[in-house]
Amino acid sequence: MRPSQRLSRIPPYLFAELEHKIADRRAQGIDVISLGIGDPDTPTPSVVVDALARAGADPGTHQYPSNRGRAEFREGVSAFYERRFGVTLDPATEVVPALGAKECIFNLNLAFLDP
């Protein structure tokens, strides 16, 4: 079985290419400040690590949430947007969890753009 032609036309993943370039520069002794992907370069605050540990110990978090996400998460997102941007969002109808920005942007295109 051969891969489809469509697969052969997909360009390399940009961030994988950037990782290779960064690794090459660092191997040459060049100090690189990566502005590529959103990986933190500082330790995670202990308050976050502690909250993750508590959540991991809670059996209620050991299953997938509904496709709408947990209500507490949506409410937290809504509260964050209110504090940060002064925007009021209804967590029941205006907050949609996604697996990342790329997934969300892709799905928005599918939802609102015709070929």
N, C-alpha and C. Protein backbone atom coordinates (compact mmCIF):
# COMPACT_ATOMS: atom_id res chain seq x y z
N MET A 1 0.85 -1.17 0.00
CA MET A 1 0.00 0.00 0.00
C MET A 1 0.89 1.24 0.00
N ARG A 2 0.54 2.22 -0.82
CA ARG A 2 1.29 3.47 -0.90
C ARG A 2 0.48 4.60 -0.27
N PRO A 3 1.17 5.59 0.28
CA PRO A 3 0.44 6.75 0.79
C PRO A 3 -0.26 7.48 -0.35
N SER A 4 -1.31 8.18 -0.03
CA SER A 4 -2.06 8.93 -1.03
C SER A 4 -1.23 10.09 -1.57
N GLN A 5 -1.59 10.56 -2.76
CA GLN A 5 -0.92 11.73 -3.34
C GLN A 5 -1.15 12.96 -2.47
N ARG A 6 -2.34 13.03 -1.89
CA ARG A 6 -2.67 14.15 -1.01
C ARG A 6 -1.66 14.23 0.13
N LEU A 7 -1.30 13.09 0.68
CA LEU A 7 -0.35 13.06 1.79
C LEU A 7 1.02 13.58 1.34
N SER A 8 1.42 13.25 0.14
CA SER A 8 2.74 13.69 -0.34
C SER A 8 2.79 15.20 -0.60
N ARG A 9 1.64 15.85 -0.70
CA ARG A 9 1.60 17.30 -0.95
C ARG A 9 1.56 18.12 0.34
N ILE A 10 1.44 17.45 1.47
CA ILE A 10 1.40 18.18 2.74
C ILE A 10 2.81 18.66 3.06
N PRO A 11 2.99 19.95 3.29
CA PRO A 11 4.34 20.46 3.60
C PRO A 11 4.78 20.00 4.99
N PRO A 12 6.07 20.05 5.25
CA PRO A 12 6.55 19.68 6.59
C PRO A 12 5.90 20.58 7.65
N TYR A 13 5.73 20.03 8.83
CA TYR A 13 5.15 20.77 9.94
C TYR A 13 6.12 21.88 10.34
N LEU A 14 5.65 23.11 10.34
CA LEU A 14 6.50 24.27 10.57
C LEU A 14 7.29 24.16 11.86
N PHE A 15 6.64 23.78 12.95
CA PHE A 15 7.33 23.76 14.23
C PHE A 15 8.37 22.65 14.31
N ALA A 16 8.17 21.55 13.60
CA ALA A 16 9.20 20.51 13.52
C ALA A 16 10.42 21.05 12.79
N GLU A 17 10.19 21.80 11.72
CA GLU A 17 11.29 22.42 10.98
C GLU A 17 12.04 23.41 11.87
N LEU A 18 11.30 24.22 12.61
CA LEU A 18 11.93 25.18 13.51
C LEU A 18 12.73 24.48 14.60
N GLU A 19 12.21 23.38 15.14
CA GLU A 19 12.94 22.63 16.16
C GLU A 19 14.28 22.15 15.62
N HIS A 20 14.30 21.66 14.38
CA HIS A 20 15.55 21.20 13.78
C HIS A 20 16.53 22.36 13.61
N LYS A 21 16.05 23.50 13.15
CA LYS A 21 16.92 24.66 12.96
C LYS A 21 17.48 25.15 14.30
N ILE A 22 16.63 25.17 15.32
CA ILE A 22 17.07 25.60 16.64
C ILE A 22 18.12 24.64 17.18
N ALA A 23 17.87 23.33 17.05
CA ALA A 23 18.84 22.33 17.52
C ALA A 23 20.17 22.48 16.79
N ASP A 24 20.13 22.72 15.49
CA ASP A 24 21.37 22.92 14.72
C ASP A 24 22.14 24.13 15.24
N ARG A 25 21.44 25.23 15.47
CA ARG A 25 22.11 26.45 15.95
C ARG A 25 22.70 26.23 17.34
N ARG A 26 21.95 25.57 18.19
CA ARG A 26 22.46 25.33 19.55
C ARG A 26 23.66 24.40 19.52
N ALA A 27 23.65 23.41 18.60
CA ALA A 27 24.80 22.51 18.45
C ALA A 27 26.04 23.29 18.00
N GLN A 28 25.84 24.41 17.32
CA GLN A 28 26.94 25.27 16.89
C GLN A 28 27.37 26.24 17.99
N GLY A 29 26.71 26.13 19.15
CA GLY A 29 27.04 27.00 20.27
C GLY A 29 26.35 28.35 20.24
N ILE A 30 25.37 28.49 19.38
CA ILE A 30 24.64 29.75 19.28
C ILE A 30 23.52 29.76 20.31
N ASP A 31 23.44 30.85 21.08
CA ASP A 31 22.37 30.99 22.07
C ASP A 31 21.09 31.40 21.34
N VAL A 32 20.09 30.55 21.36
CA VAL A 32 18.86 30.79 20.60
C VAL A 32 17.72 31.11 21.56
N ILE A 33 17.01 32.17 21.27
CA ILE A 33 15.77 32.47 21.97
C ILE A 33 14.65 32.06 21.04
N SER A 34 13.97 30.99 21.38
CA SER A 34 12.93 30.46 20.50
C SER A 34 11.62 31.22 20.70
N LEU A 35 11.11 31.75 19.62
CA LEU A 35 9.80 32.39 19.63
C LEU A 35 8.81 31.54 18.85
N GLY A 36 9.15 30.26 18.64
CA GLY A 36 8.35 29.37 17.82
C GLY A 36 7.09 28.90 18.51
N ILE A 37 7.19 27.87 19.29
CA ILE A 37 6.02 27.25 19.90
C ILE A 37 5.95 27.70 21.36
N GLY A 38 4.80 27.65 21.96
CA GLY A 38 4.60 28.21 23.29
C GLY A 38 5.07 27.34 24.44
N ASP A 39 6.26 26.76 24.34
CA ASP A 39 6.79 25.98 25.45
C ASP A 39 7.44 26.92 26.46
N PRO A 40 7.04 26.84 27.72
CA PRO A 40 7.66 27.72 28.72
C PRO A 40 9.13 27.35 28.92
N ASP A 41 9.93 28.35 29.20
CA ASP A 41 11.34 28.10 29.49
C ASP A 41 11.67 28.42 30.94
N THR A 42 10.63 28.57 31.74
CA THR A 42 10.80 28.78 33.17
C THR A 42 9.99 27.71 33.91
N PRO A 43 10.38 27.43 35.15
CA PRO A 43 9.65 26.40 35.90
C PRO A 43 8.17 26.77 36.09
N THR A 44 7.34 25.75 36.11
CA THR A 44 5.91 25.95 36.37
C THR A 44 5.73 26.38 37.83
N PRO A 45 4.95 27.41 38.10
CA PRO A 45 4.73 27.85 39.48
C PRO A 45 4.20 26.70 40.35
N SER A 46 4.66 26.65 41.58
CA SER A 46 4.28 25.55 42.47
C SER A 46 2.77 25.50 42.70
N VAL A 47 2.09 26.64 42.68
CA VAL A 47 0.64 26.64 42.87
C VAL A 47 -0.04 25.85 41.75
N VAL A 48 0.50 25.92 40.53
CA VAL A 48 -0.05 25.18 39.40
C VAL A 48 0.25 23.69 39.56
N VAL A 49 1.48 23.37 39.92
CA VAL A 49 1.87 21.96 40.10
C VAL A 49 1.03 21.33 41.21
N ASP A 50 0.82 22.06 42.30
CA ASP A 50 0.01 21.53 43.41
C ASP A 50 -1.44 21.31 42.98
N ALA A 51 -2.00 22.24 42.22
CA ALA A 51 -3.39 22.08 41.74
C ALA A 51 -3.50 20.89 40.81
N LEU A 52 -2.50 20.69 39.95
CA LEU A 52 -2.51 19.52 39.06
C LEU A 52 -2.43 18.22 39.85
N ALA A 53 -1.61 18.22 40.90
CA ALA A 53 -1.49 17.01 41.73
C ALA A 53 -2.82 16.70 42.41
N ARG A 54 -3.49 17.73 42.93
CA ARG A 54 -4.79 17.51 43.57
C ARG A 54 -5.81 16.99 42.56
N ALA A 55 -5.82 17.59 41.37
CA ALA A 55 -6.77 17.16 40.34
C ALA A 55 -6.47 15.73 39.91
N GLY A 56 -5.20 15.37 39.81
CA GLY A 56 -4.83 14.01 39.42
C GLY A 56 -5.22 12.97 40.46
N ALA A 57 -5.29 13.38 41.72
CA ALA A 57 -5.67 12.45 42.78
C ALA A 57 -7.18 12.30 42.90
N ASP A 58 -7.94 13.15 42.24
CA ASP A 58 -9.40 13.11 42.30
C ASP A 58 -9.93 12.13 41.25
N PRO A 59 -10.56 11.01 41.67
CA PRO A 59 -11.08 10.03 40.70
C PRO A 59 -12.08 10.63 39.71
N GLY A 60 -12.71 11.74 40.05
CA GLY A 60 -13.64 12.38 39.14
C GLY A 60 -12.98 12.96 37.90
N THR A 61 -11.65 13.08 37.95
CA THR A 61 -10.92 13.61 36.78
C THR A 61 -10.30 12.51 35.94
N HIS A 62 -10.59 11.26 36.24
CA HIS A 62 -9.95 10.15 35.54
C HIS A 62 -10.71 9.70 34.31
N GLN A 63 -11.70 10.43 33.91
CA GLN A 63 -12.48 10.09 32.71
C GLN A 63 -12.51 11.31 31.80
N TYR A 64 -12.79 11.06 30.53
CA TYR A 64 -12.95 12.18 29.61
C TYR A 64 -14.16 13.00 30.02
N PRO A 65 -14.06 14.32 29.93
CA PRO A 65 -15.25 15.14 30.17
C PRO A 65 -16.17 15.04 28.96
N SER A 66 -17.32 15.66 29.05
CA SER A 66 -18.21 15.69 27.89
C SER A 66 -17.52 16.48 26.78
N ASN A 67 -18.03 16.39 25.58
CA ASN A 67 -17.42 17.12 24.48
C ASN A 67 -17.54 18.64 24.67
N ARG A 68 -18.35 19.07 25.58
CA ARG A 68 -18.47 20.51 25.88
C ARG A 68 -17.47 20.94 26.95
N GLY A 69 -16.71 19.99 27.49
CA GLY A 69 -15.76 20.32 28.54
C GLY A 69 -16.45 20.40 29.89
N ARG A 70 -15.66 20.52 30.91
CA ARG A 70 -16.21 20.63 32.27
C ARG A 70 -16.78 22.03 32.48
N ALA A 71 -17.91 22.08 33.17
CA ALA A 71 -18.55 23.38 33.43
C ALA A 71 -17.60 24.31 34.19
N GLU A 72 -16.86 23.75 35.15
CA GLU A 72 -15.93 24.57 35.94
C GLU A 72 -14.87 25.21 35.05
N PHE A 73 -14.41 24.46 34.05
CA PHE A 73 -13.42 25.00 33.13
C PHE A 73 -14.00 26.15 32.31
N ARG A 74 -15.19 25.92 31.75
CA ARG A 74 -15.82 26.96 30.93
C ARG A 74 -16.09 28.22 31.77
N GLU A 75 -16.51 28.02 33.02
CA GLU A 75 -16.75 29.16 33.90
C GLU A 75 -15.44 29.89 34.20
N GLY A 76 -14.36 29.14 34.37
CA GLY A 76 -13.06 29.76 34.60
C GLY A 76 -12.58 30.56 33.40
N VAL A 77 -12.80 30.03 32.21
CA VAL A 77 -12.44 30.76 30.99
C VAL A 77 -13.25 32.05 30.90
N SER A 78 -14.53 31.95 31.18
CA SER A 78 -15.40 33.13 31.14
C SER A 78 -14.93 34.18 32.14
N ALA A 79 -14.59 33.76 33.36
CA ALA A 79 -14.12 34.70 34.38
C ALA A 79 -12.79 35.34 33.96
N PHE A 80 -11.90 34.55 33.36
CA PHE A 80 -10.62 35.08 32.89
C PHE A 80 -10.84 36.16 31.84
N TYR A 81 -11.71 35.91 30.86
CA TYR A 81 -11.97 36.89 29.81
C TYR A 81 -12.58 38.17 30.38
N GLU A 82 -13.41 38.02 31.40
CA GLU A 82 -14.01 39.19 32.04
C GLU A 82 -12.92 40.03 32.72
N ARG A 83 -12.05 39.36 33.49
CA ARG A 83 -10.97 40.07 34.19
C ARG A 83 -9.97 40.68 33.22
N ARG A 84 -9.54 39.90 32.27
CA ARG A 84 -8.43 40.30 31.39
C ARG A 84 -8.86 41.27 30.30
N PHE A 85 -10.00 41.01 29.68
CA PHE A 85 -10.39 41.79 28.51
C PHE A 85 -11.67 42.59 28.68
N GLY A 86 -12.35 42.43 29.84
CA GLY A 86 -13.61 43.13 30.04
C GLY A 86 -14.72 42.60 29.15
N VAL A 87 -14.60 41.35 28.74
CA VAL A 87 -15.57 40.72 27.84
C VAL A 87 -16.39 39.73 28.64
N THR A 88 -17.70 39.82 28.55
CA THR A 88 -18.58 38.88 29.24
C THR A 88 -18.96 37.76 28.28
N LEU A 89 -18.65 36.54 28.67
CA LEU A 89 -19.00 35.35 27.87
C LEU A 89 -19.92 34.46 28.68
N ASP A 90 -20.92 33.92 28.04
CA ASP A 90 -21.79 32.93 28.67
C ASP A 90 -21.07 31.59 28.59
N PRO A 91 -20.65 31.02 29.73
CA PRO A 91 -19.89 29.78 29.68
C PRO A 91 -20.67 28.60 29.10
N ALA A 92 -21.99 28.69 29.12
CA ALA A 92 -22.80 27.58 28.58
C ALA A 92 -22.91 27.63 27.07
N THR A 93 -22.80 28.84 26.48
CA THR A 93 -23.03 28.95 25.04
C THR A 93 -21.91 29.62 24.26
N GLU A 94 -20.96 30.26 24.94
CA GLU A 94 -19.94 31.03 24.22
C GLU A 94 -18.51 30.60 24.52
N VAL A 95 -18.32 29.52 25.24
CA VAL A 95 -16.98 28.99 25.51
C VAL A 95 -16.95 27.56 25.00
N VAL A 96 -16.04 27.30 24.07
CA VAL A 96 -15.91 25.96 23.49
C VAL A 96 -14.47 25.48 23.69
N PRO A 97 -14.25 24.48 24.52
CA PRO A 97 -12.90 23.96 24.69
C PRO A 97 -12.40 23.31 23.40
N ALA A 98 -11.12 23.45 23.14
CA ALA A 98 -10.49 22.82 21.98
C ALA A 98 -9.15 22.24 22.42
N LEU A 99 -8.58 21.40 21.59
CA LEU A 99 -7.30 20.77 21.92
C LEU A 99 -6.11 21.67 21.61
N GLY A 100 -6.37 22.86 21.17
CA GLY A 100 -5.31 23.80 20.86
C GLY A 100 -5.79 24.79 19.82
N ALA A 101 -5.02 25.83 19.62
CA ALA A 101 -5.42 26.88 18.69
C ALA A 101 -5.56 26.36 17.27
N LYS A 102 -4.64 25.49 16.85
CA LYS A 102 -4.71 25.00 15.47
C LYS A 102 -6.00 24.23 15.22
N GLU A 103 -6.40 23.39 16.18
CA GLU A 103 -7.65 22.64 16.02
C GLU A 103 -8.83 23.61 15.94
N CYS A 104 -8.83 24.60 16.79
CA CYS A 104 -9.94 25.55 16.82
C CYS A 104 -10.02 26.34 15.52
N ILE A 105 -8.89 26.84 15.05
CA ILE A 105 -8.88 27.60 13.79
C ILE A 105 -9.33 26.72 12.63
N PHE A 106 -8.86 25.49 12.59
CA PHE A 106 -9.26 24.56 11.53
C PHE A 106 -10.77 24.33 11.56
N ASN A 107 -11.31 24.07 12.75
CA ASN A 107 -12.74 23.82 12.86
C ASN A 107 -13.58 25.06 12.54
N LEU A 108 -13.08 26.24 12.89
CA LEU A 108 -13.80 27.46 12.53
C LEU A 108 -13.90 27.61 11.02
N ASN A 109 -12.81 27.29 10.32
CA ASN A 109 -12.84 27.34 8.86
C ASN A 109 -13.86 26.36 8.30
N LEU A 110 -13.89 25.15 8.84
CA LEU A 110 -14.87 24.17 8.36
C LEU A 110 -16.30 24.63 8.62
N ALA A 111 -16.49 25.30 9.74
CA ALA A 111 -17.84 25.72 10.11
C ALA A 111 -18.35 26.90 9.30
N PHE A 112 -17.45 27.81 8.91
CA PHE A 112 -17.93 29.07 8.33
C PHE A 112 -17.48 29.36 6.91
N LEU A 113 -16.62 28.54 6.32
CA LEU A 113 -16.14 28.79 4.96
C LEU A 113 -16.50 27.63 4.05
N ASP A 114 -17.08 27.94 2.92
CA ASP A 114 -17.36 26.93 1.91
C ASP A 114 -16.19 26.87 0.93
N PRO A 115 -15.94 25.67 0.37
CA PRO A 115 -14.83 25.58 -0.59
C PRO A 115 -15.06 26.44 -1.82
